Amino acid sequence: MPGLRRCDAGGYFRPKAGRYPVPRRRVVNGPSGEDGDQAWSNTLTSYYNIVRKEIARYRGEEFTVAGDGFLVLFDGPARAVRCALTIAAAVKQLEIDV
């Protein structure tokens, strides 16, 4: 497979050194109703704060943001996946799913 190399012990494969993007996270549900626009704006601001905190925690580099989707680069795939999973758990407090 491209981007993989054989590990010295046990025949396991390890990714080559480089930059790996986190899987793009998208908000699946958000607030609705009469105050939906203001509520969504507040939720989105909180979402951005949570995501950026986790990106920094996992030493990612924010590349771009489009609406509620982030493109982030990491120095390894495990760090990218851990960050994505942590973000998914952390934004539950906002009552949204990614």
PDB file of N, CA and C in Angstrom:
ATOM      1  N   MET A   1       0.842  -1.183   0.000  1.00  0.00           N
ATOM      2  CA  MET A   1       0.000   0.000   0.000  1.00  0.00           C
ATOM      3  C   MET A   1       0.881   1.239   0.000  1.00  0.00           C
ATOM      4  N   PRO A   2       0.491   2.266  -0.716  1.00  0.00           N
ATOM      5  CA  PRO A   2       1.260   3.510  -0.718  1.00  0.00           C
ATOM      6  C   PRO A   2       1.270   4.129   0.675  1.00  0.00           C
ATOM      7  N   GLY A   3       2.404   4.699   1.052  1.00  0.00           N
ATOM      8  CA  GLY A   3       2.515   5.388   2.324  1.00  0.00           C
ATOM      9  C   GLY A   3       2.816   4.487   3.504  1.00  0.00           C
ATOM     10  N   LEU A   4       2.942   3.159   3.259  1.00  0.00           N
ATOM     11  CA  LEU A   4       3.229   2.239   4.349  1.00  0.00           C
ATOM     12  C   LEU A   4       4.574   1.565   4.130  1.00  0.00           C
ATOM     13  N   ARG A   5       5.189   1.167   5.231  1.00  0.00           N
ATOM     14  CA  ARG A   5       6.436   0.414   5.133  1.00  0.00           C
ATOM     15  C   ARG A   5       6.414  -0.685   6.181  1.00  0.00           C
ATOM     16  N   ARG A   6       7.202  -1.713   5.982  1.00  0.00           N
ATOM     17  CA  ARG A   6       7.242  -2.833   6.907  1.00  0.00           C
ATOM     18  C   ARG A   6       7.996  -2.436   8.175  1.00  0.00           C
ATOM     19  N   CYS A   7       7.419  -2.811   9.300  1.00  0.00           N
ATOM     20  CA  CYS A   7       8.049  -2.570  10.588  1.00  0.00           C
ATOM     21  C   CYS A   7       9.126  -3.631  10.809  1.00  0.00           C
ATOM     22  N   ASP A   8      10.141  -3.302  11.575  1.00  0.00           N
ATOM     23  CA  ASP A   8      11.240  -4.235  11.824  1.00  0.00           C
ATOM     24  C   ASP A   8      10.807  -5.474  12.597  1.00  0.00           C
ATOM     25  N   ALA A   9       9.907  -5.333  13.554  1.00  0.00           N
ATOM     26  CA  ALA A   9       9.547  -6.457  14.427  1.00  0.00           C
ATOM     27  C   ALA A   9       8.132  -6.936  14.139  1.00  0.00           C
ATOM     28  N   GLY A  10       7.989  -8.203  13.902  1.00  0.00           N
ATOM     29  CA  GLY A  10       6.676  -8.802  13.819  1.00  0.00           C
ATOM     30  C   GLY A  10       5.925  -8.645  12.508  1.00  0.00           C
ATOM     31  N   GLY A  11       6.504  -7.983  11.516  1.00  0.00           N
ATOM     32  CA  GLY A  11       5.854  -7.864  10.226  1.00  0.00           C
ATOM     33  C   GLY A  11       4.686  -6.884  10.177  1.00  0.00           C
ATOM     34  N   TYR A  12       4.557  -6.040  11.175  1.00  0.00           N
ATOM     35  CA  TYR A  12       3.496  -5.036  11.164  1.00  0.00           C
ATOM     36  C   TYR A  12       3.869  -3.878  10.266  1.00  0.00           C
ATOM     37  N   PHE A  13       2.870  -3.240   9.738  1.00  0.00           N
ATOM     38  CA  PHE A  13       3.107  -2.092   8.879  1.00  0.00           C
ATOM     39  C   PHE A  13       2.961  -0.806   9.670  1.00  0.00           C
ATOM     40  N   ARG A  14       3.835   0.128   9.387  1.00  0.00           N
ATOM     41  CA  ARG A  14       3.800   1.445  10.024  1.00  0.00           C
ATOM     42  C   ARG A  14       3.756   2.502   8.924  1.00  0.00           C
ATOM     43  N   PRO A  15       3.049   3.598   9.147  1.00  0.00           N
ATOM     44  CA  PRO A  15       3.028   4.653   8.135  1.00  0.00           C
ATOM     45  C   PRO A  15       4.370   5.339   8.029  1.00  0.00           C
ATOM     46  N   LYS A  16       4.680   5.817   6.839  1.00  0.00           N
ATOM     47  CA  LYS A  16       5.887   6.603   6.641  1.00  0.00           C
ATOM     48  C   LYS A  16       5.724   7.940   7.345  1.00  0.00           C
ATOM     49  N   ALA A  17       6.839   8.550   7.698  1.00  0.00           N
ATOM     50  CA  ALA A  17       6.790   9.878   8.309  1.00  0.00           C
ATOM     51  C   ALA A  17       6.209  10.866   7.309  1.00  0.00           C
ATOM     52  N   GLY A  18       5.445  11.783   7.797  1.00  0.00           N
ATOM     53  CA  GLY A  18       4.851  12.786   6.926  1.00  0.00           C
ATOM     54  C   GLY A  18       3.698  13.478   7.607  1.00  0.00           C
ATOM     55  N   ARG A  19       2.874  14.126   6.835  1.00  0.00           N
ATOM     56  CA  ARG A  19       1.713  14.836   7.379  1.00  0.00           C
ATOM     57  C   ARG A  19       0.455  14.080   6.972  1.00  0.00           C
ATOM     58  N   TYR A  20      -0.457  13.948   7.916  1.00  0.00           N
ATOM     59  CA  TYR A  20      -1.683  13.206   7.681  1.00  0.00           C
ATOM     60  C   TYR A  20      -2.882  14.057   8.063  1.00  0.00           C
ATOM     61  N   PRO A  21      -3.862  14.190   7.187  1.00  0.00           N
ATOM     62  CA  PRO A  21      -5.046  14.990   7.524  1.00  0.00           C
ATOM     63  C   PRO A  21      -5.983  14.210   8.436  1.00  0.00           C
ATOM     64  N   VAL A  22      -6.654  14.929   9.338  1.00  0.00           N
ATOM     65  CA  VAL A  22      -7.697  14.310  10.142  1.00  0.00           C
ATOM     66  C   VAL A  22      -8.893  14.100   9.219  1.00  0.00           C
ATOM     67  N   PRO A  23      -9.612  12.997   9.415  1.00  0.00           N
ATOM     68  CA  PRO A  23     -10.818  12.840   8.610  1.00  0.00           C
ATOM     69  C   PRO A  23     -11.715  14.055   8.810  1.00  0.00           C
ATOM     70  N   ARG A  24     -12.250  14.577   7.751  1.00  0.00           N
ATOM     71  CA  ARG A  24     -13.051  15.794   7.840  1.00  0.00           C
ATOM     72  C   ARG A  24     -14.285  15.540   8.681  1.00  0.00           C
ATOM     73  N   ARG A  25     -14.507  16.395   9.656  1.00  0.00           N
ATOM     74  CA  ARG A  25     -15.643  16.268  10.556  1.00  0.00           C
ATOM     75  C   ARG A  25     -16.712  17.250  10.132  1.00  0.00           C
ATOM     76  N   ARG A  26     -17.932  16.787  10.041  1.00  0.00           N
ATOM     77  CA  ARG A  26     -19.053  17.657   9.680  1.00  0.00           C
ATOM     78  C   ARG A  26     -20.128  17.519  10.755  1.00  0.00           C
ATOM     79  N   VAL A  27     -20.775  18.631  11.085  1.00  0.00           N
ATOM     80  CA  VAL A  27     -21.875  18.605  12.041  1.00  0.00           C
ATOM     81  C   VAL A  27     -23.080  17.989  11.347  1.00  0.00           C
ATOM     82  N   VAL A  28     -23.675  16.987  11.990  1.00  0.00           N
ATOM     83  CA  VAL A  28     -24.806  16.280  11.408  1.00  0.00           C
ATOM     84  C   VAL A  28     -26.127  16.921  11.807  1.00  0.00           C
ATOM     85  N   ASN A  29     -26.236  17.375  13.035  1.00  0.00           N
ATOM     86  CA  ASN A  29     -27.457  18.038  13.468  1.00  0.00           C
ATOM     87  C   ASN A  29     -27.103  19.296  14.229  1.00  0.00           C
ATOM     88  N   GLY A  30     -28.007  20.240  14.257  1.00  0.00           N
ATOM     89  CA  GLY A  30     -27.788  21.492  14.960  1.00  0.00           C
ATOM     90  C   GLY A  30     -29.112  22.040  15.447  1.00  0.00           C
ATOM     91  N   PRO A  31     -29.084  23.167  16.143  1.00  0.00           N
ATOM     92  CA  PRO A  31     -30.318  23.732  16.685  1.00  0.00           C
ATOM     93  C   PRO A  31     -31.261  24.204  15.590  1.00  0.00           C
ATOM     94  N   SER A  32     -32.533  24.206  15.914  1.00  0.00           N
ATOM     95  CA  SER A  32     -33.537  24.708  14.981  1.00  0.00           C
ATOM     96  C   SER A  32     -34.610  25.436  15.779  1.00  0.00           C
ATOM     97  N   GLY A  33     -35.541  26.026  15.086  1.00  0.00           N
ATOM     98  CA  GLY A  33     -36.623  26.729  15.766  1.00  0.00           C
ATOM     99  C   GLY A  33     -36.529  28.221  15.566  1.00  0.00           C
ATOM    100  N   GLU A  34     -37.340  28.947  16.342  1.00  0.00           N
ATOM    101  CA  GLU A  34     -37.439  30.391  16.205  1.00  0.00           C
ATOM    102  C   GLU A  34     -36.099  31.099  16.385  1.00  0.00           C
ATOM    103  N   ASP A  35     -35.370  30.703  17.390  1.00  0.00           N
ATOM    104  CA  ASP A  35     -34.077  31.326  17.671  1.00  0.00           C
ATOM    105  C   ASP A  35     -32.935  30.531  17.046  1.00  0.00           C
ATOM    106  N   GLY A  36     -33.217  29.764  16.015  1.00  0.00           N
ATOM    107  CA  GLY A  36     -32.231  28.864  15.420  1.00  0.00           C
ATOM    108  C   GLY A  36     -30.972  29.535  14.926  1.00  0.00           C
ATOM    109  N   ASP A  37     -31.099  30.695  14.260  1.00  0.00           N
ATOM    110  CA  ASP A  37     -29.907  31.349  13.717  1.00  0.00           C
ATOM    111  C   ASP A  37     -28.952  31.795  14.807  1.00  0.00           C
ATOM    112  N   GLN A  38     -29.468  32.449  15.848  1.00  0.00           N
ATOM    113  CA  GLN A  38     -28.604  32.901  16.942  1.00  0.00           C
ATOM    114  C   GLN A  38     -28.070  31.708  17.720  1.00  0.00           C
ATOM    115  N   ALA A  39     -28.927  30.725  17.950  1.00  0.00           N
ATOM    116  CA  ALA A  39     -28.491  29.526  18.667  1.00  0.00           C
ATOM    117  C   ALA A  39     -27.394  28.806  17.879  1.00  0.00           C
ATOM    118  N   TRP A  40     -27.573  28.723  16.556  1.00  0.00           N
ATOM    119  CA  TRP A  40     -26.560  28.060  15.731  1.00  0.00           C
ATOM    120  C   TRP A  40     -25.246  28.823  15.753  1.00  0.00           C
ATOM    121  N   SER A  41     -25.325  30.136  15.699  1.00  0.00           N
ATOM    122  CA  SER A  41     -24.119  30.970  15.759  1.00  0.00           C
ATOM    123  C   SER A  41     -23.363  30.728  17.065  1.00  0.00           C
ATOM    124  N   ASN A  42     -24.090  30.680  18.177  1.00  0.00           N
ATOM    125  CA  ASN A  42     -23.469  30.415  19.484  1.00  0.00           C
ATOM    126  C   ASN A  42     -22.877  29.008  19.537  1.00  0.00           C
ATOM    127  N   THR A  43     -23.626  28.049  19.017  1.00  0.00           N
ATOM    128  CA  THR A  43     -23.154  26.662  19.005  1.00  0.00           C
ATOM    129  C   THR A  43     -21.904  26.523  18.143  1.00  0.00           C
ATOM    130  N   LEU A  44     -21.920  27.168  16.981  1.00  0.00           N
ATOM    131  CA  LEU A  44     -20.782  27.087  16.076  1.00  0.00           C
ATOM    132  C   LEU A  44     -19.530  27.701  16.698  1.00  0.00           C
ATOM    133  N   THR A  45     -19.686  28.805  17.400  1.00  0.00           N
ATOM    134  CA  THR A  45     -18.549  29.427  18.090  1.00  0.00           C
ATOM    135  C   THR A  45     -17.980  28.477  19.140  1.00  0.00           C
ATOM    136  N   SER A  46     -18.858  27.854  19.918  1.00  0.00           N
ATOM    137  CA  SER A  46     -18.404  26.887  20.927  1.00  0.00           C
ATOM    138  C   SER A  46     -17.742  25.680  20.268  1.00  0.00           C
ATOM    139  N   TYR A  47     -18.318  25.235  19.162  1.00  0.00           N
ATOM    140  CA  TYR A  47     -17.756  24.112  18.399  1.00  0.00           C
ATOM    141  C   TYR A  47     -16.339  24.438  17.922  1.00  0.00           C
ATOM    142  N   TYR A  48     -16.167  25.631  17.337  1.00  0.00           N
ATOM    143  CA  TYR A  48     -14.835  26.053  16.881  1.00  0.00           C
ATOM    144  C   TYR A  48     -13.834  26.050  18.032  1.00  0.00           C
ATOM    145  N   ASN A  49     -14.254  26.556  19.196  1.00  0.00           N
ATOM    146  CA  ASN A  49     -13.358  26.604  20.352  1.00  0.00           C
ATOM    147  C   ASN A  49     -12.939  25.211  20.796  1.00  0.00           C
ATOM    148  N   ILE A  50     -13.893  24.292  20.848  1.00  0.00           N
ATOM    149  CA  ILE A  50     -13.587  22.912  21.247  1.00  0.00           C
ATOM    150  C   ILE A  50     -12.645  22.265  20.245  1.00  0.00           C
ATOM    151  N   VAL A  51     -12.969  22.388  18.958  1.00  0.00           N
ATOM    152  CA  VAL A  51     -12.145  21.761  17.920  1.00  0.00           C
ATOM    153  C   VAL A  51     -10.725  22.316  17.950  1.00  0.00           C
ATOM    154  N   ARG A  52     -10.592  23.616  18.047  1.00  0.00           N
ATOM    155  CA  ARG A  52      -9.248  24.218  18.056  1.00  0.00           C
ATOM    156  C   ARG A  52      -8.452  23.817  19.296  1.00  0.00           C
ATOM    157  N   LYS A  53      -9.126  23.676  20.418  1.00  0.00           N
ATOM    158  CA  LYS A  53      -8.449  23.216  21.640  1.00  0.00           C
ATOM    159  C   LYS A  53      -7.881  21.808  21.437  1.00  0.00           C
ATOM    160  N   GLU A  54      -8.680  20.923  20.845  1.00  0.00           N
ATOM    161  CA  GLU A  54      -8.228  19.542  20.616  1.00  0.00           C
ATOM    162  C   GLU A  54      -7.153  19.471  19.539  1.00  0.00           C
ATOM    163  N   ILE A  55      -7.266  20.306  18.518  1.00  0.00           N
ATOM    164  CA  ILE A  55      -6.221  20.357  17.491  1.00  0.00           C
ATOM    165  C   ILE A  55      -4.883  20.711  18.127  1.00  0.00           C
ATOM    166  N   ALA A  56      -4.892  21.705  18.991  1.00  0.00           N
ATOM    167  CA  ALA A  56      -3.659  22.113  19.679  1.00  0.00           C
ATOM    168  C   ALA A  56      -3.158  20.995  20.598  1.00  0.00           C
ATOM    169  N   ARG A  57      -4.075  20.362  21.297  1.00  0.00           N
ATOM    170  CA  ARG A  57      -3.706  19.273  22.218  1.00  0.00           C
ATOM    171  C   ARG A  57      -2.990  18.134  21.480  1.00  0.00           C
ATOM    172  N   TYR A  58      -3.457  17.821  20.284  1.00  0.00           N
ATOM    173  CA  TYR A  58      -2.872  16.730  19.505  1.00  0.00           C
ATOM    174  C   TYR A  58      -1.830  17.223  18.499  1.00  0.00           C
ATOM    175  N   ARG A  59      -1.395  18.452  18.654  1.00  0.00           N
ATOM    176  CA  ARG A  59      -0.328  19.060  17.849  1.00  0.00           C
ATOM    177  C   ARG A  59      -0.626  19.052  16.347  1.00  0.00           C
ATOM    178  N   GLY A  60      -1.873  19.364  16.035  1.00  0.00           N
ATOM    179  CA  GLY A  60      -2.267  19.474  14.638  1.00  0.00           C
ATOM    180  C   GLY A  60      -2.061  20.889  14.137  1.00  0.00           C
ATOM    181  N   GLU A  61      -2.112  21.031  12.828  1.00  0.00           N
ATOM    182  CA  GLU A  61      -1.976  22.335  12.184  1.00  0.00           C
ATOM    183  C   GLU A  61      -3.238  22.588  11.354  1.00  0.00           C
ATOM    184  N   GLU A  62      -4.013  23.584  11.786  1.00  0.00           N
ATOM    185  CA  GLU A  62      -5.246  23.918  11.070  1.00  0.00           C
ATOM    186  C   GLU A  62      -4.883  24.460   9.696  1.00  0.00           C
ATOM    187  N   PHE A  63      -5.419  23.827   8.675  1.00  0.00           N
ATOM    188  CA  PHE A  63      -5.131  24.225   7.303  1.00  0.00           C
ATOM    189  C   PHE A  63      -6.216  25.161   6.778  1.00  0.00           C
ATOM    190  N   THR A  64      -7.470  24.767   6.944  1.00  0.00           N
ATOM    191  CA  THR A  64      -8.580  25.595   6.484  1.00  0.00           C
ATOM    192  C   THR A  64      -9.860  25.193   7.202  1.00  0.00           C
ATOM    193  N   VAL A  65     -10.842  26.080   7.183  1.00  0.00           N
ATOM    194  CA  VAL A  65     -12.174  25.823   7.736  1.00  0.00           C
ATOM    195  C   VAL A  65     -13.187  26.226   6.667  1.00  0.00           C
ATOM    196  N   ALA A  66     -14.158  25.371   6.449  1.00  0.00           N
ATOM    197  CA  ALA A  66     -15.243  25.682   5.520  1.00  0.00           C
ATOM    198  C   ALA A  66     -16.556  25.395   6.245  1.00  0.00           C
ATOM    199  N   GLY A  67     -17.215  26.450   6.702  1.00  0.00           N
ATOM    200  CA  GLY A  67     -18.451  26.268   7.468  1.00  0.00           C
ATOM    201  C   GLY A  67     -18.144  25.606   8.794  1.00  0.00           C
ATOM    202  N   ASP A  68     -18.596  24.367   8.957  1.00  0.00           N
ATOM    203  CA  ASP A  68     -18.312  23.634  10.189  1.00  0.00           C
ATOM    204  C   ASP A  68     -17.269  22.535   9.980  1.00  0.00           C
ATOM    205  N   GLY A  69     -16.653  22.491   8.802  1.00  0.00           N
ATOM    206  CA  GLY A  69     -15.650  21.469   8.503  1.00  0.00           C
ATOM    207  C   GLY A  69     -14.240  22.018   8.600  1.00  0.00           C
ATOM    208  N   PHE A  70     -13.373  21.276   9.270  1.00  0.00           N
ATOM    209  CA  PHE A  70     -11.966  21.644   9.433  1.00  0.00           C
ATOM    210  C   PHE A  70     -11.095  20.704   8.618  1.00  0.00           C
ATOM    211  N   LEU A  71     -10.040  21.227   8.031  1.00  0.00           N
ATOM    212  CA  LEU A  71      -8.994  20.399   7.442  1.00  0.00           C
ATOM    213  C   LEU A  71      -7.748  20.673   8.268  1.00  0.00           C
ATOM    214  N   VAL A  72      -7.228  19.614   8.888  1.00  0.00           N
ATOM    215  CA  VAL A  72      -6.124  19.736   9.835  1.00  0.00           C
ATOM    216  C   VAL A  72      -5.044  18.739   9.453  1.00  0.00           C
ATOM    217  N   LEU A  73      -3.797  19.156   9.562  1.00  0.00           N
ATOM    218  CA  LEU A  73      -2.672  18.269   9.281  1.00  0.00           C
ATOM    219  C   LEU A  73      -2.006  17.847  10.581  1.00  0.00           C
ATOM    220  N   PHE A  74      -1.627  16.560  10.644  1.00  0.00           N
ATOM    221  CA  PHE A  74      -0.950  15.999  11.806  1.00  0.00           C
ATOM    222  C   PHE A  74       0.317  15.299  11.345  1.00  0.00           C
ATOM    223  N   ASP A  75       1.222  15.041  12.273  1.00  0.00           N
ATOM    224  CA  ASP A  75       2.469  14.367  11.909  1.00  0.00           C
ATOM    225  C   ASP A  75       2.340  12.848  11.892  1.00  0.00           C
ATOM    226  N   GLY A  76       1.183  12.324  12.165  1.00  0.00           N
ATOM    227  CA  GLY A  76       0.963  10.887  12.091  1.00  0.00           C
ATOM    228  C   GLY A  76      -0.518  10.563  12.096  1.00  0.00           C
ATOM    229  N   PRO A  77      -0.905   9.430  11.508  1.00  0.00           N
ATOM    230  CA  PRO A  77      -2.315   9.082  11.413  1.00  0.00           C
ATOM    231  C   PRO A  77      -2.962   8.775  12.754  1.00  0.00           C
ATOM    232  N   ALA A  78      -2.227   8.194  13.687  1.00  0.00           N
ATOM    233  CA  ALA A  78      -2.809   7.874  14.993  1.00  0.00           C
ATOM    234  C   ALA A  78      -3.228   9.146  15.719  1.00  0.00           C
ATOM    235  N   ARG A  79      -2.397  10.162  15.649  1.00  0.00           N
ATOM    236  CA  ARG A  79      -2.718  11.441  16.292  1.00  0.00           C
ATOM    237  C   ARG A  79      -3.966  12.054  15.641  1.00  0.00           C
ATOM    238  N   ALA A  80      -4.089  11.941  14.332  1.00  0.00           N
ATOM    239  CA  ALA A  80      -5.250  12.477  13.611  1.00  0.00           C
ATOM    240  C   ALA A  80      -6.532  11.766  14.040  1.00  0.00           C
ATOM    241  N   VAL A  81      -6.482  10.449  14.120  1.00  0.00           N
ATOM    242  CA  VAL A  81      -7.667   9.676  14.500  1.00  0.00           C
ATOM    243  C   VAL A  81      -8.033   9.951  15.954  1.00  0.00           C
ATOM    244  N   ARG A  82      -7.046   9.993  16.829  1.00  0.00           N
ATOM    245  CA  ARG A  82      -7.333  10.281  18.247  1.00  0.00           C
ATOM    246  C   ARG A  82      -7.969  11.655  18.401  1.00  0.00           C
ATOM    247  N   CYS A  83      -7.476  12.619  17.670  1.00  0.00           N
ATOM    248  CA  CYS A  83      -8.043  13.965  17.721  1.00  0.00           C
ATOM    249  C   CYS A  83      -9.496  13.950  17.249  1.00  0.00           C
ATOM    250  N   ALA A  84      -9.763  13.283  16.143  1.00  0.00           N
ATOM    251  CA  ALA A  84     -11.123  13.217  15.602  1.00  0.00           C
ATOM    252  C   ALA A  84     -12.084  12.561  16.595  1.00  0.00           C
ATOM    253  N   LEU A  85     -11.655  11.491  17.225  1.00  0.00           N
ATOM    254  CA  LEU A  85     -12.500  10.796  18.203  1.00  0.00           C
ATOM    255  C   LEU A  85     -12.739  11.661  19.435  1.00  0.00           C
ATOM    256  N   THR A  86     -11.706  12.368  19.872  1.00  0.00           N
ATOM    257  CA  THR A  86     -11.850  13.254  21.029  1.00  0.00           C
ATOM    258  C   THR A  86     -12.808  14.400  20.719  1.00  0.00           C
ATOM    259  N   ILE A  87     -12.700  14.956  19.516  1.00  0.00           N
ATOM    260  CA  ILE A  87     -13.606  16.030  19.106  1.00  0.00           C
ATOM    261  C   ILE A  87     -15.048  15.520  19.101  1.00  0.00           C
ATOM    262  N   ALA A  88     -15.269  14.343  18.532  1.00  0.00           N
ATOM    263  CA  ALA A  88     -16.626  13.787  18.470  1.00  0.00           C
ATOM    264  C   ALA A  88     -17.220  13.633  19.865  1.00  0.00           C
ATOM    265  N   ALA A  89     -16.413  13.187  20.815  1.00  0.00           N
ATOM    266  CA  ALA A  89     -16.898  13.042  22.194  1.00  0.00           C
ATOM    267  C   ALA A  89     -17.107  14.400  22.861  1.00  0.00           C
ATOM    268  N   ALA A  90     -16.200  15.335  22.627  1.00  0.00           N
ATOM    269  CA  ALA A  90     -16.254  16.639  23.294  1.00  0.00           C
ATOM    270  C   ALA A  90     -17.444  17.482  22.848  1.00  0.00           C
ATOM    271  N   VAL A  91     -17.837  17.386  21.585  1.00  0.00           N
ATOM    272  CA  VAL A  91     -18.942  18.233  21.111  1.00  0.00           C
ATOM    273  C   VAL A  91     -20.313  17.677  21.480  1.00  0.00           C
ATOM    274  N   LYS A  92     -20.355  16.510  22.089  1.00  0.00           N
ATOM    275  CA  LYS A  92     -21.635  15.960  22.577  1.00  0.00           C
ATOM    276  C   LYS A  92     -22.269  16.925  23.576  1.00  0.00           C
ATOM    277  N   GLN A  93     -21.412  17.659  24.346  1.00  0.00           N
ATOM    278  CA  GLN A  93     -21.948  18.619  25.315  1.00  0.00           C
ATOM    279  C   GLN A  93     -22.737  19.737  24.643  1.00  0.00           C
ATOM    280  N   LEU A  94     -22.505  19.947  23.360  1.00  0.00           N
ATOM    281  CA  LEU A  94     -23.246  20.962  22.603  1.00  0.00           C
ATOM    282  C   LEU A  94     -24.524  20.392  21.995  1.00  0.00           C
ATOM    283  N   GLU A  95     -24.748  19.096  22.246  1.00  0.00           N
ATOM    284  CA  GLU A  95     -25.894  18.382  21.702  1.00  0.00           C
ATOM    285  C   GLU A  95     -25.887  18.346  20.179  1.00  0.00           C
ATOM    286  N   ILE A  96     -24.675  18.158  19.624  1.00  0.00           N
ATOM    287  CA  ILE A  96     -24.528  17.965  18.185  1.00  0.00           C
ATOM    288  C   ILE A  96     -23.716  16.713  17.941  1.00  0.00           C
ATOM    289  N   ASP A  97     -23.888  16.138  16.798  1.00  0.00           N
ATOM    290  CA  ASP A  97     -23.130  14.955  16.380  1.00  0.00           C
ATOM    291  C   ASP A  97     -22.285  15.322  15.191  1.00  0.00           C
ATOM    292  N   VAL A  98     -21.078  14.789  15.167  1.00  0.00           N
ATOM    293  CA  VAL A  98     -20.201  14.989  14.009  1.00  0.00           C
ATOM    294  C   VAL A  98     -19.855  13.639  13.425  1.00  0.00           C
TER     295      VAL A  98
END
